[in-house]
Amino acid sequence: MNADLIFKVAGIGIVVSVLYQVLARSGREDQAMMTALIGLVAVMMIVVTQIGDLFAAVKDIFGL
């Protein structure tokens, strides 16, 4: 596991939370919710890619 991955996820989380707060306080709750959902999808894509790499490594190690 890379520390780079942790920093990517944390960076996305910080940016999304700041955008969410700015949009929510300006009265744009719908856009704030969409921003949060887009951030969640981006993080999930990163995590799913890493899980796929993990499964590929396990297959290579055990020769499956």
N, C-alpha and C. Protein backbone atom coordinates (compact mmCIF):
# COMPACT_ATOMS: atom_id res chain seq x y z
N MET A 1 0.85 -1.18 0.00
CA MET A 1 0.00 0.00 0.00
C MET A 1 0.89 1.24 0.00
N ASN A 2 0.52 2.14 -0.81
CA ASN A 2 1.28 3.37 -0.97
C ASN A 2 0.75 4.47 -0.04
N ALA A 3 1.64 5.27 0.48
CA ALA A 3 1.21 6.44 1.23
C ALA A 3 0.59 7.46 0.28
N ASP A 4 0.98 7.36 -0.99
CA ASP A 4 0.44 8.24 -2.02
C ASP A 4 -1.08 8.08 -2.13
N LEU A 5 -1.54 6.86 -2.01
CA LEU A 5 -2.98 6.59 -2.08
C LEU A 5 -3.71 7.26 -0.93
N ILE A 6 -3.15 7.20 0.24
CA ILE A 6 -3.78 7.83 1.41
C ILE A 6 -3.86 9.33 1.23
N PHE A 7 -2.79 9.93 0.69
CA PHE A 7 -2.79 11.37 0.48
C PHE A 7 -3.79 11.78 -0.61
N LYS A 8 -3.95 10.95 -1.65
CA LYS A 8 -4.95 11.25 -2.68
C LYS A 8 -6.35 11.27 -2.10
N VAL A 9 -6.68 10.23 -1.34
CA VAL A 9 -8.02 10.13 -0.76
C VAL A 9 -8.25 11.27 0.24
N ALA A 10 -7.26 11.56 1.05
CA ALA A 10 -7.40 12.66 2.01
C ALA A 10 -7.54 14.00 1.30
N GLY A 11 -6.78 14.21 0.24
CA GLY A 11 -6.88 15.45 -0.52
C GLY A 11 -8.24 15.63 -1.15
N ILE A 12 -8.76 14.57 -1.72
CA ILE A 12 -10.10 14.64 -2.30
C ILE A 12 -11.13 14.94 -1.21
N GLY A 13 -10.97 14.30 -0.06
CA GLY A 13 -11.89 14.53 1.05
C GLY A 13 -11.88 15.97 1.53
N ILE A 14 -10.69 16.54 1.64
CA ILE A 14 -10.58 17.93 2.10
C ILE A 14 -11.20 18.89 1.09
N VAL A 15 -10.89 18.70 -0.19
CA VAL A 15 -11.43 19.58 -1.22
C VAL A 15 -12.95 19.49 -1.28
N VAL A 16 -13.47 18.26 -1.22
CA VAL A 16 -14.92 18.07 -1.29
C VAL A 16 -15.60 18.69 -0.07
N SER A 17 -15.01 18.52 1.11
CA SER A 17 -15.65 19.09 2.30
C SER A 17 -15.66 20.61 2.28
N VAL A 18 -14.59 21.22 1.77
CA VAL A 18 -14.56 22.68 1.67
C VAL A 18 -15.60 23.16 0.65
N LEU A 19 -15.65 22.51 -0.50
CA LEU A 19 -16.65 22.88 -1.50
C LEU A 19 -18.07 22.68 -0.98
N TYR A 20 -18.28 21.59 -0.25
CA TYR A 20 -19.60 21.33 0.31
C TYR A 20 -20.02 22.45 1.26
N GLN A 21 -19.12 22.85 2.14
CA GLN A 21 -19.44 23.90 3.10
C GLN A 21 -19.73 25.23 2.42
N VAL A 22 -18.92 25.56 1.42
CA VAL A 22 -19.12 26.82 0.70
C VAL A 22 -20.47 26.82 -0.02
N LEU A 23 -20.76 25.72 -0.70
CA LEU A 23 -22.03 25.65 -1.44
C LEU A 23 -23.23 25.61 -0.50
N ALA A 24 -23.12 24.88 0.60
CA ALA A 24 -24.25 24.78 1.53
C ALA A 24 -24.54 26.11 2.20
N ARG A 25 -23.51 26.85 2.53
CA ARG A 25 -23.73 28.14 3.19
C ARG A 25 -24.22 29.22 2.24
N SER A 26 -24.00 29.01 0.94
CA SER A 26 -24.50 29.98 -0.02
C SER A 26 -25.91 29.63 -0.51
N GLY A 27 -26.49 28.59 0.08
CA GLY A 27 -27.86 28.24 -0.26
C GLY A 27 -28.01 27.30 -1.44
N ARG A 28 -26.95 26.67 -1.84
CA ARG A 28 -27.00 25.74 -2.98
C ARG A 28 -26.82 24.31 -2.49
N GLU A 29 -27.79 23.84 -1.72
CA GLU A 29 -27.69 22.52 -1.11
C GLU A 29 -27.67 21.40 -2.15
N ASP A 30 -28.40 21.58 -3.25
CA ASP A 30 -28.42 20.55 -4.29
C ASP A 30 -27.04 20.38 -4.92
N GLN A 31 -26.40 21.49 -5.22
CA GLN A 31 -25.06 21.41 -5.80
C GLN A 31 -24.04 20.89 -4.78
N ALA A 32 -24.24 21.21 -3.52
CA ALA A 32 -23.35 20.70 -2.48
C ALA A 32 -23.46 19.18 -2.38
N MET A 33 -24.69 18.67 -2.46
CA MET A 33 -24.88 17.22 -2.40
C MET A 33 -24.28 16.54 -3.62
N MET A 34 -24.42 17.15 -4.79
CA MET A 34 -23.82 16.57 -6.00
C MET A 34 -22.29 16.57 -5.91
N THR A 35 -21.73 17.60 -5.31
CA THR A 35 -20.27 17.66 -5.11
C THR A 35 -19.82 16.53 -4.20
N ALA A 36 -20.57 16.28 -3.13
CA ALA A 36 -20.23 15.20 -2.22
C ALA A 36 -20.33 13.85 -2.91
N LEU A 37 -21.35 13.66 -3.74
CA LEU A 37 -21.50 12.40 -4.46
C LEU A 37 -20.39 12.19 -5.48
N ILE A 38 -20.00 13.25 -6.16
CA ILE A 38 -18.91 13.14 -7.12
C ILE A 38 -17.60 12.80 -6.41
N GLY A 39 -17.37 13.40 -5.26
CA GLY A 39 -16.18 13.07 -4.48
C GLY A 39 -16.19 11.62 -4.04
N LEU A 40 -17.35 11.12 -3.60
CA LEU A 40 -17.47 9.73 -3.20
C LEU A 40 -17.20 8.79 -4.36
N VAL A 41 -17.74 9.11 -5.52
CA VAL A 41 -17.52 8.27 -6.70
C VAL A 41 -16.04 8.27 -7.10
N ALA A 42 -15.39 9.41 -7.02
CA ALA A 42 -13.97 9.49 -7.37
C ALA A 42 -13.13 8.64 -6.43
N VAL A 43 -13.41 8.71 -5.14
CA VAL A 43 -12.66 7.90 -4.17
C VAL A 43 -12.95 6.42 -4.38
N MET A 44 -14.19 6.08 -4.63
CA MET A 44 -14.53 4.67 -4.85
C MET A 44 -13.85 4.12 -6.10
N MET A 45 -13.71 4.93 -7.15
CA MET A 45 -13.00 4.46 -8.35
C MET A 45 -11.53 4.19 -8.04
N ILE A 46 -10.92 5.04 -7.23
CA ILE A 46 -9.53 4.83 -6.85
C ILE A 46 -9.39 3.55 -6.03
N VAL A 47 -10.30 3.35 -5.08
CA VAL A 47 -10.24 2.18 -4.21
C VAL A 47 -10.50 0.90 -5.00
N VAL A 48 -11.47 0.91 -5.90
CA VAL A 48 -11.78 -0.28 -6.70
C VAL A 48 -10.60 -0.64 -7.59
N THR A 49 -9.93 0.35 -8.14
CA THR A 49 -8.74 0.08 -8.95
C THR A 49 -7.65 -0.59 -8.12
N GLN A 50 -7.45 -0.11 -6.91
CA GLN A 50 -6.44 -0.70 -6.03
C GLN A 50 -6.82 -2.12 -5.62
N ILE A 51 -8.09 -2.37 -5.38
CA ILE A 51 -8.53 -3.72 -5.03
C ILE A 51 -8.33 -4.67 -6.21
N GLY A 52 -8.60 -4.19 -7.41
CA GLY A 52 -8.34 -4.99 -8.61
C GLY A 52 -6.87 -5.35 -8.75
N ASP A 53 -6.00 -4.38 -8.47
CA ASP A 53 -4.56 -4.65 -8.50
C ASP A 53 -4.16 -5.67 -7.44
N LEU A 54 -4.78 -5.58 -6.26
CA LEU A 54 -4.51 -6.54 -5.20
C LEU A 54 -4.90 -7.95 -5.62
N PHE A 55 -6.08 -8.11 -6.21
CA PHE A 55 -6.51 -9.43 -6.66
C PHE A 55 -5.61 -9.97 -7.76
N ALA A 56 -5.15 -9.11 -8.64
CA ALA A 56 -4.24 -9.55 -9.69
C ALA A 56 -2.91 -10.01 -9.09
N ALA A 57 -2.43 -9.31 -8.08
CA ALA A 57 -1.18 -9.71 -7.42
C ALA A 57 -1.35 -11.05 -6.70
N VAL A 58 -2.49 -11.25 -6.06
CA VAL A 58 -2.73 -12.52 -5.37
C VAL A 58 -2.80 -13.66 -6.38
N LYS A 59 -3.45 -13.43 -7.52
CA LYS A 59 -3.52 -14.45 -8.55
C LYS A 59 -2.13 -14.79 -9.06
N ASP A 60 -1.29 -13.80 -9.25
CA ASP A 60 0.08 -14.04 -9.72
C ASP A 60 0.90 -14.79 -8.69
N ILE A 61 0.73 -14.47 -7.43
CA ILE A 61 1.51 -15.12 -6.38
C ILE A 61 1.15 -16.59 -6.26
N PHE A 62 -0.14 -16.89 -6.28
CA PHE A 62 -0.59 -18.27 -6.10
C PHE A 62 -0.74 -19.01 -7.43
N GLY A 63 -0.51 -18.35 -8.54
CA GLY A 63 -0.56 -18.99 -9.85
C GLY A 63 -1.95 -19.47 -10.23
N LEU A 64 -2.96 -18.69 -9.92
CA LEU A 64 -4.33 -19.08 -10.24
C LEU A 64 -4.73 -18.63 -11.61
